[in-house]
Amino acid sequence: MTHSYSGQKSRPSAGLRRGLSIWQAVGISVALMAPSMAANINPQGTAGLVGRATPLAFFLAAVAVLLIAYVFVRLCQYYQHAGSVYVFAGATLGPQAGATAGLSLLGTYTFYGLVTASASGVFGAQFLDDTNVWDDQPSWAGFVVGGLALVLVLWLAIVPARRATTTLLVIEGVTVLLILVIALVAFIKMAAGSAPGDASLTLDVFKVAPGTDASTLFLGIIFGLLSFAGFEAAATLGEEAHEPRRDIPRAILGTAIFGGIYFTFVTAVEMMAFGTDAGGVGRFVHSSALMGDIGTDYIASWLGETVTLGAAVSAFACCLACVVGASRLLYAVARDASPGSALSRTGRNDTPAAAAVVVSVAIALIALVCAVFFDAVPFDTFLWSGTIGTLILLVAYVLATVGCIKLLFIDKKMSVPTWEIVVPLAALVMLGYTIWRNVIPFPDANPGRALVIVAFGWVLLVAVLMVATPGLARKLSVSLEEADRHA
């Protein structure tokens, strides 16, 4: 039986048609995960915390994601509509939880918009430097390129271009293939003893270096989880997939498995190629495009430049997805909170244009504040906003996981073996400890302290607002579901 948010049978909206295949469902999850961008810039954040053990942190992130994937698989088998974490939380735990998860997700999308705009700026500026188009760049070059990318993202969010979106997805696929080719070539050369700099295969990349606390892995895991963010995006196709009860769960699980293998293998090759000693880790952390640099060193400069450009396009496409998602969430909130306002109306192209402008301006303002008041460079805004957005997302995942446990093992609305409760409980342990380790001991200096305050301050503010205004929470929960259903 197909279930809606309220427990009644769902009725797909007139604008949604069934017919998408499992491969199209996989495509949307992989595209939003942006594996080519993630493999080039996310591992540096982890390496700054755990050094050579970065692949181990990504492996632990993969384990956590597989546990979370179980939650989405089961929820999608029961609720077959254009849902996401905020709908699942509201359907199982009540309107306050749903609205809290939804508005938390709005924060995540906004900060991830800055993550991907910054990444697009970093990769774009690096490509211009590599091709001698813009030499001797100032430190703010990435902000200029990222700003131009954000302007184009805003335009595409207001005036959807299907052909452009398809092209972006094709470029993402080609870049991922090139990254895998580079990784395989580097792996073979290291195995044969012919790698540049005498790099070689070693299992040290899966061992925490002496002097590093093993619990630090759960600080570094944040950027591993950031790499997987979006793996559950196929859940939004519940009303459009041809066989949603079968295809959506398979797409989510398949994407999680692919991401786990891909990121663990690629980060291991990257760390071994740069070197596991202090010098190698230092070069790794300061690389602006990991696979781009490896492609240049191990094969040819043109290939490295191509991968760097592809990563920039990947970041741009992911930024577009973030702005589109955030603008629709903001539109849904405004539609109930302030009917008739500019934010509650769509534009000439039937898109929430005003909301898209507000989200894009918010992203630009956050970047401006970081640059002016905290002397941030583009990689700083990438790291900081990535940490904040992921910490907020973890809270939404926790709500969805608790909802799954209630649905399956308390309300018993699906027939599943009792032993399976071990899986969502293990997911809660992984999520809970990751959150705990990022808060305790509380960072005694910035930016770490500020990142935690901003992330959980936003969640706490939203939660208090929803508890204080239960009527609004109920309206927002229903509205957010409808908005997501029509997205």
Foldseek 3Di string as FASTA:
>chain_A
DAAFLQGDHDDFDPVAAADDELVVLLLQLCLLLLLLLLLWFLLLLLCVQQNLLSLQLLLLLLLLLLLLLVLLLLLLLHHQFLDDLLSLLCSQPHLLSSQLLLLLLLLLLLLLLLLLLLLLLLLVVVLCCLVVVDHPDDLASSVVRSLVLLVVLLVCLQVPDVVVLVVLSVLSVVLLVLLVVLLVLLQVCQPVQNAPPSQHADPCSNPGDPPRDPLSSLVSSLSSNSSSPSLLNSSSCSRHYNDRSPSSSCSSSVSSVVSSVSSSSSSSSLQSNQDRDPRSSVCSSPRSTRSLVSCCRRPNNVSSSSSSNSSSSSSSSSSSVSLNSSLLLQLLLCCPVPNPDLSVDGDPNRGSSVSSVVSSVVSSVVVVCCCPVVVDGSSRSNSLSSNLSSLSVLVSSLSSLVSSCCCCPVVNVDDDDPVCNVSSVVSNVSSVSSNVSLPVVHDPDPPSNVSNCVNVVSSVVSSVVCVVCVVSSNSSSVSSSVSSSND
